[in-house]
Amino acid sequence: MNANSPTKAVPGEIQEVVRNSSRVSHLLEVARTEFMRAGFDAVSLDGVARTAGVSKETIYRHFPDKVALFRAALESLGDAFTRSTENIPGLASEPEAALAQYAKTIRDTAVEGGFLSSVWLAVSIGRALPELAASIQSSNLKRLEPLRCALQTIAAQLGYEGDVSLHWAADFGSLAVEGPRHLMGWPDLSTRERDALAARTAAFFLRGCPKGAAAPHAMAGVADYAPAPDERPDHIQNLLNTAERHFLAGGYQGASLDEIGEDARVGRGTLYRHFGAKAGLFAATMRAMAQRIVRNNAPAAISSADFGAALPEFLEAAAFALTGADSIALHRAAIEESKRAPDLAREIYAIARRPWIEALAVWLGAHHAANEDDAQWCAMQTINLATRGNRPFTTGVTMDAPARKEAALRATAIVRGGFLEALR
């Protein structure tokens, strides 16, 4: 028998009797920690076996390959959220408080080894294992069923008689974690800040953007935000274009400087002189890609003061720019390397998203929001709703025109009047 062959495989999802064994539980804990620390590609079964203090054959006795071990390790990441939802109080007396508790639970479990860890891992394997990444997204979505039931109850209390679908729970989850911010290098919040964010999220989802008489602002447009074209020598621009293809195809770890240089027909001296090393070339490549996406899809001015006339078209354009194939590839590459290079991930987020957030914040500040902070935060969250949070980056699926229109209309309704208005 080949030493790398499994001695016994458990088909499909890991059996409960296996999950409940202390040895396998320990193995899954070690595997989960290793995958979360280094990502799928960097973890080997030999390394997991050594760290767990078991033989490689023991792993194969329960898991046919690394993918099966990875899937089983991720399955338990959402268990904390499932357990936590069982302790959330009833909705009858204070639906907003209960919904805030759901938001806090999502955020807490997300940043403490839960949903966002599995999302980060799904994004990191999305290039090489797209079907597995999509299945992780599907599994995470199913875990939001208790939240969907809570939203159904709230909707009924507010007079809505129809069904509330699971995508509303997914939208609320996107708001609770503030879209891709945490995945793209933003540090964790304190407990007090998480509590405040949860309350703010619940209020926004139920009632929309806080209203007030804000001071008027000038309208924002393309000229304010489109980055100026980079003026580089042709051979350097060609090098960046070549590096982009290599980094997107193989990731930072899988790309080879020698192969990039050979493909671009530049020597190592040129590469190191301009970019220092591989990390410098990767950063420059990601920045150039983000700037190109913004130049090609910069936000136009929002000219009307009316929600229905102004926002849907703007939000559809934002979704087109931020969930197109190039943007998904860019975000995936930045998220995959966010633990190694969090500053770069934050920079990519800002280059790609700030133009849309700022343009919408200016409009909200002029016509709707109570203050500048509300306008900025509500603008960011509205863009998250219109682009479906992290889902495009997990699945790798671009939003087509009908999907962009549907998401834009839902986001417009929520920012204007909250969840119930969006349902109607």
Protein backbone atom coordinates (compact mmCIF):
# COMPACT_ATOMS: atom_id res chain seq x y z
CA MET A 1 0.00 0.00 0.00
CA ASN A 2 1.19 3.50 -0.82
CA ALA A 3 2.15 5.39 2.34
CA ASN A 4 0.13 8.36 1.09
CA SER A 5 -3.04 6.35 0.60
CA PRO A 6 -5.89 6.42 3.11
CA THR A 7 -6.43 3.30 5.17
CA LYS A 8 -10.07 4.13 5.76
CA ALA A 9 -12.11 7.03 4.43
CA VAL A 10 -15.26 8.51 5.87
CA PRO A 11 -17.45 9.44 2.89
CA GLY A 12 -19.17 12.81 2.69
CA GLU A 13 -19.41 14.86 5.85
CA ILE A 14 -17.51 13.53 8.84
CA GLN A 15 -19.65 11.13 10.90
CA GLU A 16 -20.76 12.34 14.31
CA VAL A 17 -19.13 9.39 16.06
CA VAL A 18 -15.83 10.46 14.51
CA ARG A 19 -16.31 14.13 15.33
CA ASN A 20 -17.05 13.26 18.92
CA SER A 21 -13.93 11.17 19.48
CA SER A 22 -11.38 13.03 21.60
CA ARG A 23 -8.50 12.18 19.28
CA VAL A 24 -10.28 13.43 16.18
CA SER A 25 -11.56 16.50 18.01
CA HIS A 26 -7.97 17.35 18.93
CA LEU A 27 -6.85 16.70 15.34
CA LEU A 28 -9.56 19.01 13.99
CA GLU A 29 -8.63 21.73 16.47
CA VAL A 30 -4.99 21.56 15.40
CA ALA A 31 -5.91 21.50 11.71
CA ARG A 32 -8.29 24.43 12.13
CA THR A 33 -5.62 26.47 13.89
CA GLU A 34 -3.04 25.69 11.22
CA PHE A 35 -5.38 26.49 8.33
CA MET A 36 -6.45 29.76 9.95
CA ARG A 37 -2.84 30.74 10.64
CA ALA A 38 -1.28 29.92 7.29
CA GLY A 39 -4.05 29.22 4.77
CA PHE A 40 -4.86 26.07 2.84
CA ASP A 41 -1.86 25.97 0.50
CA ALA A 42 0.79 26.38 3.19
CA VAL A 43 -0.50 23.58 5.43
CA SER A 44 0.65 20.00 4.87
CA LEU A 45 -0.77 16.80 6.32
CA ASP A 46 2.72 15.97 7.59
CA GLY A 47 2.80 19.25 9.50
CA VAL A 48 -0.68 18.75 10.96
CA ALA A 49 0.24 15.22 12.03
CA ARG A 50 3.42 16.42 13.77
CA THR A 51 1.65 19.27 15.57
CA ALA A 52 -1.25 17.05 16.61
CA GLY A 53 1.09 14.28 17.77
CA VAL A 54 -0.49 11.64 15.54
CA SER A 55 0.70 9.64 12.58
CA LYS A 56 -0.21 10.58 9.05
CA GLU A 57 -1.97 7.22 8.77
CA THR A 58 -4.25 8.29 11.64
CA ILE A 59 -5.34 11.29 9.59
CA TYR A 60 -5.99 9.09 6.56
CA ARG A 61 -8.03 6.72 8.71
CA HIS A 62 -10.65 9.43 9.04
CA PHE A 63 -10.03 11.78 6.11
CA PRO A 64 -9.20 10.72 2.55
CA ASP A 65 -7.20 13.84 1.73
CA LYS A 66 -6.35 17.39 2.81
CA VAL A 67 -9.56 18.78 1.32
CA ALA A 68 -11.66 16.45 3.50
CA LEU A 69 -9.71 17.44 6.60
CA PHE A 70 -10.06 21.11 5.65
CA ARG A 71 -13.81 20.77 5.18
CA ALA A 72 -14.27 18.99 8.50
CA ALA A 73 -12.14 21.54 10.33
CA LEU A 74 -14.20 24.39 8.89
CA GLU A 75 -17.49 22.72 9.72
CA SER A 76 -16.91 23.31 13.40
CA LEU A 77 -16.05 26.99 12.93
CA GLY A 78 -19.71 27.91 12.84
CA ASP A 79 -20.68 25.78 15.81
CA ALA A 80 -20.06 28.64 18.27
CA PHE A 81 -22.50 30.84 16.39
CA THR A 82 -25.14 28.12 16.30
CA ARG A 83 -24.79 27.58 20.06
CA SER A 84 -24.84 31.32 20.77
CA THR A 85 -28.08 31.92 18.88
CA GLU A 86 -29.85 29.51 21.22
CA ASN A 87 -29.29 31.95 24.10
CA ILE A 88 -30.63 35.08 22.40
CA PRO A 89 -33.76 36.33 24.21
CA GLY A 90 -37.21 36.36 22.63
CA LEU A 91 -38.28 38.99 20.15
CA ALA A 92 -41.74 39.78 21.47
CA SER A 93 -40.94 42.71 23.75
CA GLU A 94 -37.76 44.27 22.29
CA PRO A 95 -37.10 43.17 18.68
CA GLU A 96 -34.38 45.77 18.14
CA ALA A 97 -32.46 44.67 21.23
CA ALA A 98 -32.71 41.02 20.19
CA LEU A 99 -31.57 41.88 16.68
CA ALA A 100 -28.62 43.79 18.14
CA GLN A 101 -27.74 40.62 20.04
CA TYR A 102 -27.75 38.68 16.76
CA ALA A 103 -25.45 41.32 15.25
CA LYS A 104 -23.08 41.06 18.21
CA THR A 105 -23.13 37.27 18.08
CA ILE A 106 -22.26 37.29 14.38
CA ARG A 107 -19.45 39.76 14.95
CA ASP A 108 -18.09 38.00 18.03
CA THR A 109 -18.04 34.54 16.50
CA ALA A 110 -16.80 35.94 13.21
CA VAL A 111 -13.65 37.52 14.61
CA GLU A 112 -13.00 34.87 17.24
CA GLY A 113 -12.47 31.91 14.94
CA GLY A 114 -15.94 31.75 13.41
CA PHE A 115 -17.62 32.96 10.26
CA LEU A 116 -14.98 35.40 9.07
CA SER A 117 -12.23 32.85 9.60
CA SER A 118 -14.09 30.43 7.34
CA VAL A 119 -14.79 33.23 4.86
CA TRP A 120 -11.09 34.16 4.80
CA LEU A 121 -10.19 30.53 4.20
CA ALA A 122 -12.87 30.18 1.52
CA VAL A 123 -11.53 33.25 -0.27
CA SER A 124 -7.97 31.94 -0.01
CA ILE A 125 -8.91 28.68 -1.75
CA GLY A 126 -11.37 30.25 -4.17
CA ARG A 127 -8.83 30.38 -6.98
CA ALA A 128 -7.69 26.76 -6.73
CA LEU A 129 -10.84 25.09 -5.31
CA PRO A 130 -13.85 27.17 -6.38
CA GLU A 131 -16.42 24.45 -5.72
CA LEU A 132 -15.19 23.97 -2.16
CA ALA A 133 -15.22 27.74 -1.58
CA ALA A 134 -18.82 27.92 -2.81
CA SER A 135 -19.82 25.04 -0.53
CA ILE A 136 -18.33 26.84 2.47
CA GLN A 137 -20.39 29.90 1.57
CA SER A 138 -23.51 27.73 1.32
CA SER A 139 -22.81 26.13 4.70
CA ASN A 140 -22.34 29.53 6.35
CA LEU A 141 -25.60 30.75 4.83
CA LYS A 142 -27.55 27.80 6.21
CA ARG A 143 -26.30 28.59 9.70
CA LEU A 144 -28.17 31.90 9.51
CA GLU A 145 -31.56 30.13 9.56
CA PRO A 146 -32.23 31.10 13.24
CA LEU A 147 -31.64 34.73 12.25
CA ARG A 148 -34.00 34.34 9.29
CA CYS A 149 -36.66 33.05 11.67
CA ALA A 150 -36.07 36.04 13.94
CA LEU A 151 -36.47 38.41 10.99
CA GLN A 152 -39.67 36.60 10.02
CA THR A 153 -41.02 37.19 13.52
CA ILE A 154 -40.04 40.87 13.46
CA ALA A 155 -41.62 41.34 10.04
CA ALA A 156 -44.87 39.77 11.25
CA GLN A 157 -44.89 42.06 14.31
CA LEU A 158 -44.53 45.02 11.94
CA GLY A 159 -47.48 43.87 9.86
CA TYR A 160 -45.77 42.00 7.02
CA GLU A 161 -47.57 38.76 6.10
CA GLY A 162 -45.19 37.34 3.48
CA ASP A 163 -42.16 35.09 3.82
CA VAL A 164 -38.74 36.45 4.71
CA SER A 165 -36.09 34.69 2.65
CA LEU A 166 -32.63 33.71 3.80
CA HIS A 167 -30.94 36.43 1.76
CA TRP A 168 -32.23 39.02 4.28
CA ALA A 169 -30.30 37.20 7.01
CA ALA A 170 -27.24 37.21 4.76
CA ASP A 171 -27.65 40.96 4.21
CA PHE A 172 -27.91 41.53 7.96
CA GLY A 173 -24.79 39.42 8.48
CA SER A 174 -22.94 41.57 5.94
CA LEU A 175 -23.87 44.66 7.94
CA ALA A 176 -22.90 43.06 11.26
CA VAL A 177 -19.32 42.47 10.07
CA GLU A 178 -19.17 45.67 7.98
CA GLY A 179 -18.57 43.82 4.73
CA PRO A 180 -14.94 43.02 3.90
CA ARG A 181 -13.28 45.50 6.28
CA HIS A 182 -12.16 42.93 8.85
CA LEU A 183 -11.03 40.55 6.11
CA MET A 184 -8.97 43.35 4.60
CA GLY A 185 -6.74 44.18 7.50
CA TRP A 186 -8.82 46.27 9.90
CA PRO A 187 -8.01 45.41 13.52
CA ASP A 188 -10.58 43.91 15.84
CA LEU A 189 -12.89 46.10 17.90
CA SER A 190 -13.04 46.27 21.67
CA THR A 191 -16.03 44.71 23.44
CA ARG A 192 -17.55 48.14 23.99
CA GLU A 193 -17.10 49.03 20.32
CA ARG A 194 -18.66 45.74 19.24
CA ASP A 195 -21.70 46.45 21.43
CA ALA A 196 -22.07 49.91 19.90
CA LEU A 197 -21.70 48.52 16.38
CA ALA A 198 -24.31 45.85 17.05
CA ALA A 199 -26.85 48.41 18.28
CA ARG A 200 -26.10 50.69 15.34
CA THR A 201 -26.46 47.80 12.88
CA ALA A 202 -29.83 46.75 14.28
CA ALA A 203 -31.16 50.32 14.17
CA PHE A 204 -29.94 50.85 10.60
CA PHE A 205 -31.45 47.58 9.39
CA LEU A 206 -34.81 48.24 11.03
CA ARG A 207 -35.18 51.99 10.45
CA GLY A 208 -32.63 53.09 7.85
CA CYS A 209 -30.12 55.93 8.00
CA PRO A 210 -30.65 58.32 10.94
CA LYS A 211 -32.40 61.40 9.64
CA GLY A 212 -31.60 65.01 10.30
CA ALA A 213 -31.01 68.41 8.79
CA ALA A 214 -27.40 68.17 7.75
CA ALA A 215 -25.44 71.02 6.23
CA PRO A 216 -25.40 70.95 2.42
CA HIS A 217 -22.35 69.62 0.64
CA ALA A 218 -21.03 70.01 -2.85
CA MET A 219 -21.88 67.08 -5.13
CA ALA A 220 -19.13 64.54 -5.65
CA GLY A 221 -18.22 63.33 -9.11
CA VAL A 222 -15.65 61.52 -11.20
CA ALA A 223 -13.01 64.22 -11.10
CA ASP A 224 -12.85 64.12 -7.31
CA TYR A 225 -12.00 60.45 -7.06
CA ALA A 226 -10.52 58.98 -10.22
CA PRO A 227 -6.79 58.32 -9.63
CA ALA A 228 -4.47 60.00 -12.11
CA PRO A 229 -2.97 57.55 -14.61
CA ASP A 230 0.45 56.33 -13.55
CA GLU A 231 3.26 57.56 -15.74
CA ARG A 232 5.67 54.66 -15.95
CA PRO A 233 8.16 53.60 -18.59
CA ASP A 234 6.69 51.04 -20.95
CA HIS A 235 8.90 48.22 -19.69
CA ILE A 236 7.83 48.83 -16.07
CA GLN A 237 4.16 48.95 -17.02
CA ASN A 238 4.63 45.72 -18.94
CA LEU A 239 6.29 44.20 -15.86
CA LEU A 240 3.30 45.17 -13.69
CA ASN A 241 0.86 43.77 -16.23
CA THR A 242 2.83 40.53 -16.35
CA ALA A 243 3.09 40.33 -12.57
CA GLU A 244 -0.67 40.85 -12.30
CA ARG A 245 -1.32 37.78 -14.44
CA HIS A 246 1.08 35.66 -12.39
CA PHE A 247 -0.15 36.82 -8.97
CA LEU A 248 -3.81 36.35 -9.88
CA ALA A 249 -3.14 32.91 -11.34
CA GLY A 250 -0.97 31.54 -8.55
CA GLY A 251 -1.38 33.88 -5.63
CA TYR A 252 1.48 35.59 -3.84
CA GLN A 253 2.95 32.31 -2.63
CA GLY A 254 2.63 30.54 -5.96
CA ALA A 255 4.08 33.28 -8.16
CA SER A 256 7.77 33.12 -9.07
CA LEU A 257 9.89 36.24 -9.53
CA ASP A 258 12.09 34.40 -12.02
CA GLU A 259 9.07 33.40 -14.12
CA ILE A 260 7.62 36.92 -13.93
CA GLY A 261 10.92 38.46 -14.99
CA GLU A 262 11.39 35.98 -17.82
CA ASP A 263 7.83 36.50 -19.06
CA ALA A 264 8.21 40.31 -18.90
CA ARG A 265 11.74 40.15 -20.35
CA VAL A 266 13.34 42.12 -17.56
CA GLY A 267 16.26 41.12 -15.39
CA ARG A 268 16.31 40.70 -11.64
CA GLY A 269 18.30 43.90 -11.33
CA THR A 270 15.48 45.92 -12.88
CA LEU A 271 12.92 44.21 -10.72
CA TYR A 272 14.79 44.78 -7.46
CA ARG A 273 15.77 48.32 -8.38
CA HIS A 274 12.15 49.38 -8.85
CA PHE A 275 10.29 47.17 -6.37
CA GLY A 276 12.80 45.90 -3.81
CA ALA A 277 11.59 42.32 -3.63
CA LYS A 278 8.59 40.11 -4.28
CA ALA A 279 6.47 41.84 -1.62
CA GLY A 280 7.17 45.22 -3.19
CA LEU A 281 6.22 44.01 -6.66
CA PHE A 282 3.03 42.43 -5.32
CA ALA A 283 2.04 45.64 -3.53
CA ALA A 284 2.73 47.80 -6.59
CA THR A 285 0.80 45.39 -8.79
CA MET A 286 -2.25 45.37 -6.51
CA ARG A 287 -2.24 49.17 -6.22
CA ALA A 288 -1.99 49.61 -9.98
CA MET A 289 -4.83 47.15 -10.52
CA ALA A 290 -7.07 48.92 -7.97
CA GLN A 291 -6.32 52.31 -9.53
CA ARG A 292 -7.13 50.99 -13.00
CA ILE A 293 -10.48 49.59 -11.83
CA VAL A 294 -11.39 52.95 -10.29
CA ARG A 295 -10.31 54.88 -13.39
CA ASN A 296 -12.43 52.62 -15.58
CA ASN A 297 -15.48 52.68 -13.28
CA ALA A 298 -15.38 55.93 -11.31
CA PRO A 299 -18.61 57.10 -9.61
CA ALA A 300 -20.62 59.79 -11.32
CA ALA A 301 -22.25 62.67 -9.46
CA ILE A 302 -25.57 61.93 -7.76
CA SER A 303 -27.71 64.71 -9.16
CA SER A 304 -31.18 64.10 -7.70
CA ALA A 305 -32.27 64.59 -4.08
CA ASP A 306 -34.89 61.83 -4.39
CA PHE A 307 -33.99 58.35 -3.15
CA GLY A 308 -35.80 56.45 -5.86
CA ALA A 309 -34.39 58.61 -8.64
CA ALA A 310 -30.86 58.89 -7.28
CA LEU A 311 -29.68 55.76 -5.54
CA PRO A 312 -30.57 52.62 -7.53
CA GLU A 313 -28.60 53.64 -10.60
CA PHE A 314 -25.64 54.75 -8.46
CA LEU A 315 -25.66 51.51 -6.45
CA GLU A 316 -25.95 49.37 -9.57
CA ALA A 317 -22.87 51.14 -10.91
CA ALA A 318 -21.05 50.51 -7.61
CA ALA A 319 -21.91 46.81 -7.78
CA PHE A 320 -20.73 46.66 -11.39
CA ALA A 321 -17.38 48.18 -10.41
CA LEU A 322 -16.83 46.32 -7.13
CA THR A 323 -18.12 42.85 -8.04
CA GLY A 324 -16.79 42.55 -11.58
CA ALA A 325 -14.32 39.81 -12.38
CA ASP A 326 -11.25 42.08 -12.03
CA SER A 327 -12.43 43.50 -8.72
CA ILE A 328 -13.23 40.06 -7.29
CA ALA A 329 -9.77 38.85 -8.28
CA LEU A 330 -8.18 41.95 -6.71
CA HIS A 331 -10.11 41.63 -3.45
CA ARG A 332 -9.38 37.91 -3.25
CA ALA A 333 -5.65 38.49 -3.71
CA ALA A 334 -5.63 41.24 -1.05
CA ILE A 335 -7.71 39.20 1.41
CA GLU A 336 -5.58 36.10 0.88
CA GLU A 337 -2.48 38.07 1.90
CA SER A 338 -4.16 40.28 4.52
CA LYS A 339 -2.54 38.45 7.43
CA ARG A 340 0.91 38.96 5.94
CA ALA A 341 0.27 42.47 4.64
CA PRO A 342 -2.71 44.08 6.46
CA ASP A 343 -1.61 47.62 5.57
CA LEU A 344 -1.71 46.77 1.87
CA ALA A 345 -5.14 45.13 2.20
CA ARG A 346 -6.50 48.28 3.86
CA GLU A 347 -4.97 50.41 1.13
CA ILE A 348 -6.61 48.32 -1.59
CA TYR A 349 -9.95 48.59 0.21
CA ALA A 350 -9.58 52.36 0.35
CA ILE A 351 -8.55 52.79 -3.27
CA ALA A 352 -11.35 50.58 -4.60
CA ARG A 353 -14.20 51.54 -2.25
CA ARG A 354 -13.61 54.99 -0.86
CA PRO A 355 -14.70 56.81 -4.04
CA TRP A 356 -18.12 55.14 -3.87
CA ILE A 357 -18.47 55.55 -0.11
CA GLU A 358 -17.42 59.20 -0.17
CA ALA A 359 -19.70 60.09 -3.09
CA LEU A 360 -22.69 58.50 -1.35
CA ALA A 361 -21.76 60.02 2.02
CA VAL A 362 -21.73 63.49 0.47
CA TRP A 363 -25.21 62.90 -0.94
CA LEU A 364 -26.56 61.53 2.34
CA GLY A 365 -25.01 64.44 4.23
CA ALA A 366 -26.65 66.94 1.92
CA HIS A 367 -30.10 65.42 1.83
CA HIS A 368 -30.70 62.92 4.59
CA ALA A 369 -28.21 61.94 7.31
CA ALA A 370 -28.12 63.61 10.72
CA ASN A 371 -24.35 64.12 10.81
CA GLU A 372 -21.14 63.38 8.93
CA ASP A 373 -20.33 60.23 10.89
CA ASP A 374 -23.79 58.77 10.20
CA ALA A 375 -23.45 59.69 6.54
CA GLN A 376 -20.06 57.95 6.22
CA TRP A 377 -21.08 54.80 8.06
CA CYS A 378 -24.47 54.49 6.36
CA ALA A 379 -22.81 55.03 2.98
CA MET A 380 -20.31 52.24 3.66
CA GLN A 381 -23.07 49.88 4.79
CA THR A 382 -25.29 50.74 1.84
CA ILE A 383 -22.45 49.88 -0.52
CA ASN A 384 -22.01 46.60 1.40
CA LEU A 385 -25.69 45.80 0.85
CA ALA A 386 -25.55 46.68 -2.83
CA THR A 387 -22.49 44.45 -3.36
CA ARG A 388 -23.71 41.54 -1.16
CA GLY A 389 -20.96 41.82 1.41
CA ASN A 390 -18.30 39.13 1.13
CA ARG A 391 -20.36 36.68 -0.90
CA PRO A 392 -18.90 37.55 -4.33
CA PHE A 393 -15.37 37.12 -2.99
CA THR A 394 -16.19 33.71 -1.50
CA THR A 395 -17.97 32.28 -4.51
CA GLY A 396 -16.07 34.16 -7.21
CA VAL A 397 -19.37 34.77 -9.00
CA THR A 398 -19.90 38.21 -10.51
CA MET A 399 -23.23 39.93 -10.04
CA ASP A 400 -25.17 40.05 -13.31
CA ALA A 401 -27.47 42.94 -14.24
CA PRO A 402 -30.65 41.52 -12.63
CA ALA A 403 -28.75 40.73 -9.42
CA ARG A 404 -27.25 44.24 -9.32
CA LYS A 405 -30.66 45.81 -9.82
CA GLU A 406 -32.30 43.69 -7.11
CA ALA A 407 -29.53 44.39 -4.59
CA ALA A 408 -29.55 48.12 -5.40
CA LEU A 409 -33.31 48.39 -4.86
CA ARG A 410 -33.11 46.49 -1.54
CA ALA A 411 -30.20 48.65 -0.35
CA THR A 412 -32.04 51.84 -1.36
CA ALA A 413 -35.14 50.80 0.55
CA ILE A 414 -33.19 49.88 3.69
CA VAL A 415 -31.18 53.10 3.83
CA ARG A 416 -34.36 55.11 3.24
CA GLY A 417 -36.68 53.40 5.70
CA GLY A 418 -35.39 50.08 6.93
CA PHE A 419 -36.16 46.40 6.58
CA LEU A 420 -39.95 46.58 6.44
CA GLU A 421 -39.91 49.18 3.69
CA ALA A 422 -37.53 46.96 1.72
CA LEU A 423 -39.89 43.99 2.14
CA ARG A 424 -42.80 45.97 0.79
